[in-house]
Amino acid sequence: MRQPWFAIGALLAAIAVAGGALGAHALRPRLDSASLSLWETAVRYLVVAGLGLLAVGLASESRTATAWPASGWALALGGVIFSGTLGAIALGGPRWLGAVTPLGGLLLIAGFALAAVAATRR
């Protein structure tokens, strides 16, 4: 069964580019520097997650390893949680979301670590 990681990665990267443009043009005059910095961090890490998923999508097509799906899920969820919570805080969302943000970061780390494991297996 083909995994949708490449398509999801491309979608996350597209959302990140749109978010970057939104931040540079529409949000810059509306957000203070700390909030704008959070927004930029959210966008940057969403791009990282998207690019990671593009790589997982390509690699999982040519290599068989059971770790690819786990890597894909971790990268997708990690990117959405990390970037989503930071973006929400930047836009004035509840500060308690900051307690959830590290979970997204841990999932991103796990996703890349699982990709490394999958890449070493045949």
C-alpha atoms as a PDB file:
ATOM      1  CA  MET A   1       0.000   0.000   0.000  1.00  0.00           C
ATOM      2  CA  ARG A   2       1.349   3.415  -0.915  1.00  0.00           C
ATOM      3  CA  GLN A   3       1.746   5.762   1.986  1.00  0.00           C
ATOM      4  CA  PRO A   4       0.614   9.368   1.483  1.00  0.00           C
ATOM      5  CA  TRP A   5       3.724  10.915   3.041  1.00  0.00           C
ATOM      6  CA  PHE A   6       4.947  12.744  -0.054  1.00  0.00           C
ATOM      7  CA  ALA A   7       1.539  14.340  -0.636  1.00  0.00           C
ATOM      8  CA  ILE A   8       1.165  15.302   3.027  1.00  0.00           C
ATOM      9  CA  GLY A   9       4.690  16.724   3.044  1.00  0.00           C
ATOM     10  CA  ALA A  10       3.981  18.803  -0.043  1.00  0.00           C
ATOM     11  CA  LEU A  11       0.780  20.084   1.556  1.00  0.00           C
ATOM     12  CA  LEU A  12       2.538  21.031   4.807  1.00  0.00           C
ATOM     13  CA  ALA A  13       5.286  22.800   2.872  1.00  0.00           C
ATOM     14  CA  ALA A  14       2.689  24.721   0.837  1.00  0.00           C
ATOM     15  CA  ILE A  15       0.866  25.754   4.021  1.00  0.00           C
ATOM     16  CA  ALA A  16       4.184  26.860   5.517  1.00  0.00           C
ATOM     17  CA  VAL A  17       5.041  29.013   2.498  1.00  0.00           C
ATOM     18  CA  ALA A  18       1.581  30.582   2.617  1.00  0.00           C
ATOM     19  CA  GLY A  19       2.002  31.129   6.366  1.00  0.00           C
ATOM     20  CA  GLY A  20       5.354  32.778   5.786  1.00  0.00           C
ATOM     21  CA  ALA A  21       3.826  35.132   3.251  1.00  0.00           C
ATOM     22  CA  LEU A  22       0.968  35.876   5.625  1.00  0.00           C
ATOM     23  CA  GLY A  23       3.428  36.681   8.384  1.00  0.00           C
ATOM     24  CA  ALA A  24       5.603  38.875   6.183  1.00  0.00           C
ATOM     25  CA  HIS A  25       2.744  40.878   4.699  1.00  0.00           C
ATOM     26  CA  ALA A  26      -0.434  40.764   6.769  1.00  0.00           C
ATOM     27  CA  LEU A  27       0.774  39.954  10.278  1.00  0.00           C
ATOM     28  CA  ARG A  28       3.980  42.013  10.477  1.00  0.00           C
ATOM     29  CA  PRO A  29       2.130  45.289  11.137  1.00  0.00           C
ATOM     30  CA  ARG A  30      -0.294  43.600  13.559  1.00  0.00           C
ATOM     31  CA  LEU A  31       1.963  41.477  15.774  1.00  0.00           C
ATOM     32  CA  ASP A  32       4.605  42.552  18.259  1.00  0.00           C
ATOM     33  CA  SER A  33       8.147  41.302  17.682  1.00  0.00           C
ATOM     34  CA  ALA A  34       7.839  38.391  20.137  1.00  0.00           C
ATOM     35  CA  SER A  35       4.631  37.135  18.501  1.00  0.00           C
ATOM     36  CA  LEU A  36       6.075  37.566  15.016  1.00  0.00           C
ATOM     37  CA  SER A  37       9.134  35.573  16.079  1.00  0.00           C
ATOM     38  CA  LEU A  38       6.870  32.755  17.311  1.00  0.00           C
ATOM     39  CA  TRP A  39       5.005  32.831  13.986  1.00  0.00           C
ATOM     40  CA  GLU A  40       8.277  32.598  12.036  1.00  0.00           C
ATOM     41  CA  THR A  41       9.424  29.660  14.176  1.00  0.00           C
ATOM     42  CA  ALA A  42       6.106  27.898  13.570  1.00  0.00           C
ATOM     43  CA  VAL A  43       6.444  28.358   9.806  1.00  0.00           C
ATOM     44  CA  ARG A  44      10.098  27.247   9.784  1.00  0.00           C
ATOM     45  CA  TYR A  45       9.370  24.005  11.603  1.00  0.00           C
ATOM     46  CA  LEU A  46       6.343  23.274   9.432  1.00  0.00           C
ATOM     47  CA  VAL A  47       8.646  23.516   6.407  1.00  0.00           C
ATOM     48  CA  VAL A  48      11.100  21.153   8.130  1.00  0.00           C
ATOM     49  CA  ALA A  49       8.306  18.645   8.797  1.00  0.00           C
ATOM     50  CA  GLY A  50       7.049  18.966   5.224  1.00  0.00           C
ATOM     51  CA  LEU A  51      10.494  18.397   3.736  1.00  0.00           C
ATOM     52  CA  GLY A  52      11.020  15.436   6.050  1.00  0.00           C
ATOM     53  CA  LEU A  53       7.762  13.931   4.851  1.00  0.00           C
ATOM     54  CA  LEU A  54       8.752  14.481   1.213  1.00  0.00           C
ATOM     55  CA  ALA A  55      11.928  12.512   1.913  1.00  0.00           C
ATOM     56  CA  VAL A  56      10.031   9.769   3.751  1.00  0.00           C
ATOM     57  CA  GLY A  57       7.582   9.547   0.854  1.00  0.00           C
ATOM     58  CA  LEU A  58      10.370   9.141  -1.682  1.00  0.00           C
ATOM     59  CA  ALA A  59      12.407   6.721   0.425  1.00  0.00           C
ATOM     60  CA  SER A  60       9.452   4.545   1.382  1.00  0.00           C
ATOM     61  CA  GLU A  61       8.683   3.946  -2.310  1.00  0.00           C
ATOM     62  CA  SER A  62      12.087   2.442  -3.007  1.00  0.00           C
ATOM     63  CA  ARG A  63      12.908   0.789   0.321  1.00  0.00           C
ATOM     64  CA  THR A  64      10.922  -1.608   2.435  1.00  0.00           C
ATOM     65  CA  ALA A  65      11.034  -1.014   6.176  1.00  0.00           C
ATOM     66  CA  THR A  66       8.359  -1.096   8.807  1.00  0.00           C
ATOM     67  CA  ALA A  67       9.625   2.151  10.361  1.00  0.00           C
ATOM     68  CA  TRP A  68       8.537   4.369   7.428  1.00  0.00           C
ATOM     69  CA  PRO A  69       4.871   4.665   8.488  1.00  0.00           C
ATOM     70  CA  ALA A  70       5.843   5.438  12.090  1.00  0.00           C
ATOM     71  CA  SER A  71       8.295   8.060  10.843  1.00  0.00           C
ATOM     72  CA  GLY A  72       5.642   9.613   8.607  1.00  0.00           C
ATOM     73  CA  TRP A  73       3.039   9.788  11.358  1.00  0.00           C
ATOM     74  CA  ALA A  74       5.501  11.246  13.845  1.00  0.00           C
ATOM     75  CA  LEU A  75       6.684  13.920  11.403  1.00  0.00           C
ATOM     76  CA  ALA A  76       3.146  14.838  10.316  1.00  0.00           C
ATOM     77  CA  LEU A  77       1.708  15.012  13.827  1.00  0.00           C
ATOM     78  CA  GLY A  78       4.828  16.652  15.229  1.00  0.00           C
ATOM     79  CA  GLY A  79       4.784  19.368  12.583  1.00  0.00           C
ATOM     80  CA  VAL A  80       1.104  20.094  13.048  1.00  0.00           C
ATOM     81  CA  ILE A  81       1.268  20.107  16.859  1.00  0.00           C
ATOM     82  CA  PHE A  82       4.505  22.102  17.157  1.00  0.00           C
ATOM     83  CA  SER A  83       3.694  24.654  14.492  1.00  0.00           C
ATOM     84  CA  GLY A  84       0.000  24.787  15.270  1.00  0.00           C
ATOM     85  CA  THR A  85       0.455  25.560  18.934  1.00  0.00           C
ATOM     86  CA  LEU A  86       3.170  28.166  18.310  1.00  0.00           C
ATOM     87  CA  GLY A  87       1.095  29.791  15.579  1.00  0.00           C
ATOM     88  CA  ALA A  88      -1.962  29.886  17.792  1.00  0.00           C
ATOM     89  CA  ILE A  89      -0.004  31.479  20.644  1.00  0.00           C
ATOM     90  CA  ALA A  90       1.463  34.039  18.235  1.00  0.00           C
ATOM     91  CA  LEU A  91      -2.058  34.994  17.171  1.00  0.00           C
ATOM     92  CA  GLY A  92      -3.171  35.505  20.778  1.00  0.00           C
ATOM     93  CA  GLY A  93      -4.322  31.992  21.641  1.00  0.00           C
ATOM     94  CA  PRO A  94      -4.144  30.671  25.192  1.00  0.00           C
ATOM     95  CA  ARG A  95      -0.646  30.507  26.647  1.00  0.00           C
ATOM     96  CA  TRP A  96      -1.281  27.002  28.041  1.00  0.00           C
ATOM     97  CA  LEU A  97      -0.779  25.727  24.486  1.00  0.00           C
ATOM     98  CA  GLY A  98       2.915  26.282  25.182  1.00  0.00           C
ATOM     99  CA  ALA A  99       2.757  23.214  27.415  1.00  0.00           C
ATOM    100  CA  VAL A 100       1.694  21.118  24.398  1.00  0.00           C
ATOM    101  CA  THR A 101       4.339  22.501  22.009  1.00  0.00           C
ATOM    102  CA  PRO A 102       7.202  20.271  23.292  1.00  0.00           C
ATOM    103  CA  LEU A 103       5.144  17.183  22.440  1.00  0.00           C
ATOM    104  CA  GLY A 104       5.233  18.298  18.822  1.00  0.00           C
ATOM    105  CA  GLY A 105       8.980  18.834  19.036  1.00  0.00           C
ATOM    106  CA  LEU A 106       9.499  15.370  20.493  1.00  0.00           C
ATOM    107  CA  LEU A 107       7.412  13.861  17.707  1.00  0.00           C
ATOM    108  CA  LEU A 108       9.514  15.670  15.096  1.00  0.00           C
ATOM    109  CA  ILE A 109      12.706  14.352  16.673  1.00  0.00           C
ATOM    110  CA  ALA A 110      11.224  10.848  16.835  1.00  0.00           C
ATOM    111  CA  GLY A 111      10.111  11.084  13.205  1.00  0.00           C
ATOM    112  CA  PHE A 112      13.595  11.888  11.988  1.00  0.00           C
ATOM    113  CA  ALA A 113      15.128   9.236  14.254  1.00  0.00           C
ATOM    114  CA  LEU A 114      12.698   6.641  12.909  1.00  0.00           C
ATOM    115  CA  ALA A 115      13.575   7.704   9.368  1.00  0.00           C
ATOM    116  CA  ALA A 116      17.225   7.069  10.180  1.00  0.00           C
ATOM    117  CA  VAL A 117      16.351   3.606  11.474  1.00  0.00           C
ATOM    118  CA  ALA A 118      14.234   2.847   8.419  1.00  0.00           C
ATOM    119  CA  ALA A 119      17.004   3.998   6.093  1.00  0.00           C
ATOM    120  CA  THR A 120      19.406   1.473   7.592  1.00  0.00           C
ATOM    121  CA  ARG A 121      17.034  -1.471   7.183  1.00  0.00           C
ATOM    122  CA  ARG A 122      16.453  -3.431   3.992  1.00  0.00           C
END
